[in-house]
Amino acid sequence: MVNVFAGSPLDRQNNARAEDKVRDRVDEPLAAALSEEHVAVLTHSLKFVLVETATDLRVVWLRRKTSLGEQLALSGTLPWLALGEEKNESDHRSKKLAVLSTLGDEAELLEHVGALLRDDDVVTDFRHGKLLVKDLRSAAMGAEKVLSHAEAAICAHARSLFEFHRRFRFCGLCGAEMRASHGASRRVCSRNAVGEASKPVPIGDAHELEQNCPGVVFPRTDPVVITAVRHPTEKMLLLARSARFQPNLYSCVAGFMEHGESIEEAVQRETLEETGVAVHSIKYHSSQPWPFPYSLMIGCMATASAAEITIDEKEIEAAAWFSLDELQGAINHSESVALRVPPPGAIAGVLIRDLVEKMRAE
C-alpha cells in the first residue's frame, strides 16, 4: 500500500545532477534572471504557492516547459531546490517542480505573492492557482485536505529537503560553511576542492582540513518504528499517549531506531521501554515518509506476551488496552466514545484501522 506522503510522481533525476551536466544544460538568460531576481520568473510561470507558516515553505509549479538544467540551476546559493521531473510524459501542463524559500515574515510573503497574482484576490483556492495558507499536515490529511496524494508526496519531499539544508549549514569535520551541490541533493564543505567525498582526514589534523576538507553530507532520513500491539488473549489493542497530544488522543507506540538495531529489535525495545509490554510475532505492515522534519515511519504489527502495563512517565503520559467497540467508536467519531485515534492519513491511523478490521473478521 502507498501511504500519504509516499508515491511521488517525480523522477528525481539523480544521475543528471552532476554539476558539469547542470552547467551544460543551463539556459543562460534564465540563469541570469534567476541570479538577478527570481520573482521575474514567477510572474509568468506561477501555478500555485503553498505557504507553511511554521517552516517558511513555498511550493511553486512551473507551468511552462523548462529544461532539467534550468531546474538544477535553481540550486546552490539561490534559495531554490530542484526536486525532479514528472514521470508522466503525457501531461504537458505541469512538467517540472521547483521550490522557493524566501526570508521574511508571513505578512511580507502574503504581500509579495499577492502582488504576483495582481488581478486576483489572495484566497485559499488551491485548485485555481491562488494562494493557500495551510500547514502541510492539514493540507495533506486533515478534514479539509486540499492536496492530492501525489501533491502531498511532492510537498513532503520538498519540506524534508528544506529542513536538511536548513539544519546542515556547517561542516561537521572542520566547521566551515557548507553549500548545496548537485541540484541540492547534497551539501559540500566550502573547503572541499573536488565536491565529492574523498579520503578520510585524521581527526585533529586541522591543517589538512583547512586545505581540503572531505566533508559531504546527503539528505538524511531518521527511521522510526511504530507498532500496533495486540492483546495476548483478547481482541484489544495497546495504545499510548504523550502529554503533548490533544485530549483523549491515543496512538500506536513509536520510537526512533538506534544504531545496530534491526526493525524487530527496535519494536521490542520501544514497546518494552514505554509500556513495559514485551512483544513477539512482529510483522512489517507498511511505511510512511514523515516530513517533520525527515523521518521514515516503519509500521509494524505485534502481539503482546503479557497484558500488564508499566509506563515510562518520562516518555509517555498514559497507555491502555482498548476494546474493539471503543476503537470502532473512535474511528467513527462516535460521541459516546471519549477515545480519539489518529486520522487515516497517518500511518498510526492506518495500523489501527487495519488491525481492527482483522480482529472483527476473526
Protein backbone atom coordinates (compact mmCIF):
# COMPACT_ATOMS: atom_id res chain seq x y z
CA MET A 1 0.00 0.00 0.00
CA VAL A 2 1.04 3.62 -0.55
CA ASN A 3 0.55 5.87 2.48
CA VAL A 4 0.14 9.64 2.50
CA PHE A 5 3.42 11.47 1.72
CA ALA A 6 4.61 8.47 -0.34
CA GLY A 7 4.07 7.82 -4.05
CA SER A 8 5.69 10.91 -5.57
CA PRO A 9 5.25 11.14 -9.37
CA LEU A 10 8.65 12.80 -9.75
CA ASP A 11 11.71 11.20 -11.28
CA ARG A 12 14.45 12.62 -9.07
CA GLN A 13 16.96 12.59 -11.94
CA ASN A 14 19.83 11.71 -9.60
CA ASN A 15 22.03 10.59 -12.50
CA ALA A 16 21.71 14.02 -14.12
CA ARG A 17 22.57 16.13 -11.10
CA ALA A 18 26.35 16.33 -11.51
CA GLU A 19 27.41 19.97 -11.63
CA ASP A 20 29.12 19.67 -15.03
CA LYS A 21 25.89 18.35 -16.56
CA VAL A 22 23.98 21.19 -14.96
CA ARG A 23 26.27 23.79 -16.50
CA ASP A 24 25.99 22.22 -19.95
CA ARG A 25 22.18 22.42 -19.92
CA VAL A 26 21.53 25.76 -18.24
CA ASP A 27 19.64 28.35 -20.24
CA GLU A 28 21.87 31.40 -19.75
CA PRO A 29 19.18 34.12 -19.94
CA LEU A 30 17.07 32.31 -17.36
CA ALA A 31 20.06 31.64 -15.14
CA ALA A 32 20.97 35.32 -15.32
CA ALA A 33 17.41 36.33 -14.50
CA LEU A 34 17.37 34.00 -11.52
CA SER A 35 20.63 35.35 -10.19
CA GLU A 36 19.27 38.88 -10.54
CA GLU A 37 15.72 38.40 -9.27
CA HIS A 38 13.82 35.11 -9.22
CA VAL A 39 10.48 36.94 -8.89
CA ALA A 40 10.65 37.84 -12.58
CA VAL A 41 10.38 34.16 -13.43
CA LEU A 42 7.49 33.61 -11.05
CA THR A 43 5.35 36.36 -12.56
CA HIS A 44 4.78 34.37 -15.72
CA SER A 45 5.23 30.79 -14.54
CA LEU A 46 3.32 30.62 -11.24
CA LYS A 47 0.77 27.86 -10.97
CA PHE A 48 0.32 27.64 -7.21
CA VAL A 49 2.06 28.50 -4.00
CA LEU A 50 1.79 26.57 -0.75
CA VAL A 51 2.71 28.51 2.36
CA GLU A 52 3.55 26.74 5.60
CA THR A 53 3.81 29.46 8.20
CA ALA A 54 5.73 27.41 10.77
CA THR A 55 8.55 26.39 8.45
CA ASP A 56 8.57 29.03 5.70
CA LEU A 57 7.80 26.60 2.87
CA ARG A 58 6.65 27.54 -0.60
CA VAL A 59 5.93 25.07 -3.40
CA VAL A 60 5.82 26.55 -6.88
CA TRP A 61 4.81 24.66 -10.01
CA LEU A 62 6.35 25.88 -13.24
CA ARG A 63 3.73 26.00 -15.99
CA ARG A 64 5.98 26.48 -19.00
CA LYS A 65 8.44 23.85 -20.20
CA THR A 66 11.91 24.26 -18.76
CA SER A 67 14.96 22.11 -19.21
CA LEU A 68 16.32 19.96 -16.43
CA GLY A 69 19.40 22.17 -16.48
CA GLU A 70 17.26 25.21 -15.75
CA GLN A 71 15.69 23.40 -12.83
CA LEU A 72 19.00 22.33 -11.38
CA ALA A 73 20.38 25.83 -11.87
CA LEU A 74 17.93 26.92 -9.21
CA SER A 75 20.07 25.31 -6.52
CA GLY A 76 23.37 26.37 -5.00
CA THR A 77 23.43 29.82 -3.45
CA LEU A 78 19.94 30.68 -4.71
CA PRO A 79 17.03 29.92 -2.36
CA TRP A 80 15.67 27.19 -4.64
CA LEU A 81 15.75 23.42 -4.73
CA ALA A 82 15.31 21.23 -7.80
CA LEU A 83 13.19 18.19 -6.96
CA GLY A 84 12.83 16.42 -10.29
CA GLU A 85 10.66 15.87 -13.34
CA GLU A 86 7.19 14.41 -13.54
CA LYS A 87 7.34 10.82 -14.77
CA ASN A 88 4.15 11.04 -16.82
CA GLU A 89 5.23 12.39 -20.20
CA SER A 90 1.62 12.62 -21.43
CA ASP A 91 0.86 15.56 -19.13
CA HIS A 92 2.26 18.70 -20.73
CA ARG A 93 0.64 21.17 -18.34
CA SER A 94 2.90 20.72 -15.31
CA LYS A 95 6.20 19.23 -16.35
CA LYS A 96 8.55 20.40 -13.63
CA LEU A 97 8.60 21.31 -9.98
CA ALA A 98 10.78 23.76 -8.13
CA VAL A 99 10.61 25.01 -4.58
CA LEU A 100 11.10 28.57 -3.41
CA SER A 101 12.17 29.57 0.08
CA THR A 102 12.36 33.23 1.00
CA LEU A 103 13.28 35.15 4.08
CA GLY A 104 10.84 37.44 5.83
CA ASP A 105 7.70 37.07 7.86
CA GLU A 106 4.30 35.81 6.77
CA ALA A 107 2.87 39.30 6.21
CA GLU A 108 5.66 40.17 3.80
CA LEU A 109 5.16 36.90 1.98
CA LEU A 110 1.42 37.41 1.56
CA GLU A 111 2.01 40.91 0.21
CA HIS A 112 4.70 39.58 -2.12
CA VAL A 113 2.62 36.73 -3.56
CA GLY A 114 -0.48 38.88 -3.71
CA ALA A 115 1.41 41.32 -5.92
CA LEU A 116 2.28 38.46 -8.26
CA LEU A 117 -1.36 37.45 -8.61
CA ARG A 118 -2.36 41.11 -9.21
CA ASP A 119 -5.82 40.77 -10.72
CA ASP A 120 -6.97 38.09 -8.28
CA ASP A 121 -7.66 38.34 -4.58
CA VAL A 122 -5.42 36.33 -2.26
CA VAL A 123 -7.72 33.49 -1.29
CA THR A 124 -7.38 29.88 -0.22
CA ASP A 125 -8.44 28.37 -3.54
CA PHE A 126 -5.73 25.83 -4.31
CA ARG A 127 -7.22 24.38 -7.50
CA HIS A 128 -7.27 27.63 -9.43
CA GLY A 129 -3.75 28.84 -8.83
CA LYS A 130 -4.49 31.08 -5.88
CA LEU A 131 -2.62 31.42 -2.61
CA LEU A 132 -3.18 28.75 0.01
CA VAL A 133 -2.19 29.35 3.62
CA LYS A 134 -2.29 25.99 5.35
CA ASP A 135 0.08 23.74 7.26
CA LEU A 136 1.22 20.61 5.44
CA ARG A 137 -0.42 18.13 7.84
CA SER A 138 -3.91 19.54 7.43
CA ALA A 139 -3.38 20.24 3.73
CA ALA A 140 -2.44 16.60 3.11
CA MET A 141 -4.61 14.62 5.53
CA GLY A 142 -6.88 16.91 7.53
CA ALA A 143 -10.65 17.08 7.37
CA GLU A 144 -10.36 19.80 4.71
CA LYS A 145 -7.34 18.47 2.85
CA VAL A 146 -6.56 20.15 -0.45
CA LEU A 147 -3.54 18.22 -1.71
CA SER A 148 -3.85 15.16 -3.91
CA HIS A 149 -1.84 12.07 -2.97
CA ALA A 150 0.87 12.95 -5.48
CA GLU A 151 0.98 16.60 -4.43
CA ALA A 152 1.28 15.62 -0.77
CA ALA A 153 4.24 13.38 -1.60
CA ILE A 154 5.96 16.17 -3.53
CA CYS A 155 5.39 18.67 -0.74
CA ALA A 156 6.72 16.18 1.82
CA HIS A 157 9.85 15.71 -0.27
CA ALA A 158 10.28 19.48 -0.50
CA ARG A 159 9.75 20.09 3.20
CA SER A 160 12.24 17.43 4.28
CA LEU A 161 14.80 18.68 1.78
CA PHE A 162 14.45 22.22 3.05
CA GLU A 163 14.87 21.05 6.63
CA PHE A 164 18.02 19.16 5.66
CA HIS A 165 19.56 22.27 4.09
CA ARG A 166 18.48 24.45 7.00
CA ARG A 167 19.95 22.18 9.67
CA PHE A 168 23.24 21.25 7.99
CA ARG A 169 24.72 24.68 7.40
CA PHE A 170 28.19 23.93 8.72
CA CYS A 171 30.63 21.09 8.19
CA GLY A 172 30.82 18.52 10.97
CA LEU A 173 34.51 17.90 10.26
CA CYS A 174 36.02 21.37 10.13
CA GLY A 175 33.20 23.79 10.97
CA ALA A 176 33.33 25.69 7.68
CA GLU A 177 30.17 26.70 5.84
CA MET A 178 28.56 24.06 3.61
CA ARG A 179 26.98 24.72 0.22
CA ALA A 180 24.23 23.00 -1.73
CA SER A 181 25.53 20.91 -4.62
CA HIS A 182 24.34 18.53 -7.34
CA GLY A 183 20.91 20.07 -7.67
CA ALA A 184 20.67 20.47 -3.89
CA SER A 185 20.85 16.70 -3.46
CA ARG A 186 23.83 17.06 -1.11
CA ARG A 187 25.79 19.64 0.86
CA VAL A 188 29.52 20.02 0.33
CA CYS A 189 32.02 21.72 2.60
CA SER A 190 33.22 25.05 1.18
CA ARG A 191 36.77 23.77 1.73
CA ASN A 192 36.11 20.67 -0.38
CA ALA A 193 38.06 21.25 -3.59
CA VAL A 194 36.51 18.41 -5.58
CA GLY A 195 32.93 18.48 -4.35
CA GLU A 196 32.97 14.77 -3.57
CA ALA A 197 33.67 12.62 -0.54
CA SER A 198 37.41 11.96 -0.60
CA LYS A 199 39.87 10.06 1.54
CA PRO A 200 39.34 10.42 5.30
CA VAL A 201 41.37 13.04 7.14
CA PRO A 202 42.71 12.04 10.56
CA ILE A 203 40.76 13.65 13.39
CA GLY A 204 42.74 16.55 14.78
CA ASP A 205 44.61 17.29 11.54
CA ALA A 206 43.39 20.90 11.37
CA HIS A 207 45.88 21.97 8.70
CA GLU A 208 44.78 19.25 6.29
CA LEU A 209 41.12 20.09 6.87
CA GLU A 210 41.77 23.75 6.14
CA GLN A 211 43.44 22.85 2.84
CA ASN A 212 40.91 20.33 1.57
CA CYS A 213 38.13 19.12 3.82
CA PRO A 214 36.34 15.99 2.51
CA GLY A 215 33.06 16.99 4.14
CA VAL A 216 29.96 15.93 2.18
CA VAL A 217 26.53 15.23 3.67
CA PHE A 218 23.45 13.78 2.00
CA PRO A 219 19.80 14.31 2.90
CA ARG A 220 19.17 12.18 5.96
CA THR A 221 16.19 10.06 6.89
CA ASP A 222 15.58 9.08 10.52
CA PRO A 223 13.91 5.65 10.82
CA VAL A 224 11.10 5.35 13.36
CA VAL A 225 9.28 2.14 14.26
CA ILE A 226 5.57 2.44 15.02
CA THR A 227 3.65 -0.61 16.16
CA ALA A 228 0.06 -1.72 16.65
CA VAL A 229 0.26 -4.19 19.55
CA ARG A 230 -2.48 -6.77 20.01
CA HIS A 231 -3.58 -8.17 23.40
CA PRO A 232 -2.27 -11.70 24.10
CA THR A 233 -5.74 -13.23 24.61
CA GLU A 234 -8.45 -10.63 23.92
CA LYS A 235 -9.49 -8.59 20.90
CA MET A 236 -7.90 -5.43 22.23
CA LEU A 237 -5.22 -3.01 21.08
CA LEU A 238 -2.48 -1.30 23.09
CA LEU A 239 -2.34 2.46 22.57
CA ALA A 240 -0.39 5.19 24.33
CA ARG A 241 -0.43 8.97 24.55
CA SER A 242 2.11 11.74 25.03
CA ALA A 243 1.48 14.78 27.20
CA ARG A 244 1.59 16.95 24.07
CA PHE A 245 -1.30 15.06 22.42
CA GLN A 246 -4.75 16.57 22.12
CA PRO A 247 -7.19 15.48 24.87
CA ASN A 248 -8.26 11.81 24.64
CA LEU A 249 -5.99 11.13 21.66
CA TYR A 250 -4.13 7.81 21.79
CA SER A 251 -1.79 6.36 19.18
CA CYS A 252 0.48 3.40 18.48
CA VAL A 253 3.76 3.02 20.36
CA ALA A 254 6.59 4.57 18.35
CA GLY A 255 10.24 5.48 18.69
CA PHE A 256 13.45 6.10 16.79
CA MET A 257 15.64 3.19 15.83
CA GLU A 258 19.14 3.05 17.28
CA HIS A 259 22.42 2.10 15.62
CA GLY A 260 22.93 -1.63 15.35
CA GLU A 261 19.23 -2.48 15.68
CA SER A 262 17.01 -4.45 13.37
CA ILE A 263 13.42 -3.31 12.90
CA GLU A 264 12.21 -6.18 15.07
CA GLU A 265 14.64 -5.33 17.86
CA ALA A 266 13.60 -1.68 17.79
CA VAL A 267 9.93 -2.65 18.05
CA GLN A 268 10.63 -4.87 21.04
CA ARG A 269 12.79 -2.29 22.79
CA GLU A 270 10.49 0.70 22.27
CA THR A 271 7.35 -1.14 23.34
CA LEU A 272 9.03 -2.55 26.43
CA GLU A 273 10.64 0.78 27.39
CA GLU A 274 7.50 2.86 27.05
CA THR A 275 4.79 0.47 28.23
CA GLY A 276 6.57 -2.42 29.96
CA VAL A 277 4.94 -4.83 27.50
CA ALA A 278 7.08 -7.48 25.79
CA VAL A 279 6.01 -8.37 22.24
CA HIS A 280 6.54 -11.15 19.72
CA SER A 281 5.33 -12.20 16.24
CA ILE A 282 6.42 -8.87 14.78
CA LYS A 283 5.36 -8.29 11.18
CA TYR A 284 6.08 -5.42 8.84
CA HIS A 285 2.97 -3.63 7.56
CA SER A 286 3.95 -0.55 5.50
CA SER A 287 5.98 2.64 5.72
CA GLN A 288 5.36 6.37 5.50
CA PRO A 289 7.71 9.28 4.87
CA TRP A 290 7.06 11.77 7.67
CA PRO A 291 8.44 15.21 6.77
CA PHE A 292 8.56 16.60 10.32
CA PRO A 293 11.43 17.03 9.73
CA TYR A 294 12.61 13.93 7.81
CA SER A 295 11.58 10.63 9.39
CA LEU A 296 10.57 7.35 7.82
CA MET A 297 7.80 5.69 9.80
CA ILE A 298 8.13 1.90 9.67
CA GLY A 299 4.75 0.44 10.51
CA CYS A 300 4.57 -2.95 12.21
CA MET A 301 2.12 -5.22 14.00
CA ALA A 302 2.96 -7.36 17.01
CA THR A 303 1.38 -9.46 19.75
CA ALA A 304 1.95 -8.85 23.45
CA SER A 305 3.39 -11.62 25.61
CA ALA A 306 1.53 -10.33 28.68
CA ALA A 307 -1.11 -7.66 29.33
CA GLU A 308 0.40 -5.85 32.31
CA ILE A 309 1.36 -2.24 31.57
CA THR A 310 4.10 -0.25 33.30
CA ILE A 311 4.69 3.09 31.61
CA ASP A 312 7.83 5.19 31.50
CA GLU A 313 6.48 8.56 32.62
CA LYS A 314 9.44 10.33 31.03
CA GLU A 315 8.37 9.00 27.63
CA ILE A 316 4.56 8.84 27.70
CA GLU A 317 1.67 10.09 29.80
CA ALA A 318 -0.53 7.00 29.66
CA ALA A 319 -1.08 3.64 27.95
CA ALA A 320 -4.07 1.33 27.96
CA TRP A 321 -5.77 -1.58 26.25
CA PHE A 322 -8.81 -0.61 24.17
CA SER A 323 -11.64 -2.89 23.08
CA LEU A 324 -12.96 -3.30 19.56
CA ASP A 325 -16.07 -1.28 20.38
CA GLU A 326 -14.01 1.59 21.77
CA LEU A 327 -11.71 1.54 18.77
CA GLN A 328 -14.56 1.38 16.27
CA GLY A 329 -16.32 4.22 18.06
CA ALA A 330 -13.18 6.34 17.86
CA ILE A 331 -12.76 5.54 14.16
CA ASN A 332 -16.39 6.53 13.54
CA HIS A 333 -16.04 9.68 15.69
CA SER A 334 -18.84 8.47 17.95
CA GLU A 335 -19.90 10.97 20.62
CA SER A 336 -20.46 8.10 23.05
CA VAL A 337 -16.74 7.22 23.00
CA ALA A 338 -14.17 9.58 24.52
CA LEU A 339 -11.23 7.90 22.77
CA ARG A 340 -9.74 9.60 19.73
CA VAL A 341 -7.27 7.99 17.32
CA PRO A 342 -5.05 9.41 14.55
CA PRO A 343 -6.61 10.12 11.14
CA PRO A 344 -6.43 7.56 8.33
CA GLY A 345 -3.76 9.65 6.61
CA ALA A 346 -1.26 8.96 9.39
CA ILE A 347 0.31 5.51 9.45
CA ALA A 348 -0.80 5.10 13.09
CA GLY A 349 -4.38 5.53 11.91
CA VAL A 350 -3.79 3.03 9.11
CA LEU A 351 -2.38 0.42 11.50
CA ILE A 352 -5.23 0.84 13.98
CA ARG A 353 -7.93 0.58 11.32
CA ASP A 354 -6.33 -2.45 9.66
CA LEU A 355 -5.93 -4.34 12.93
CA VAL A 356 -9.50 -3.52 13.99
CA GLU A 357 -10.75 -4.84 10.66
CA LYS A 358 -8.74 -8.04 11.03
CA MET A 359 -9.94 -8.66 14.58
CA ARG A 360 -13.56 -8.09 13.57
CA ALA A 361 -13.18 -10.62 10.75
CA GLU A 362 -11.94 -13.36 13.10
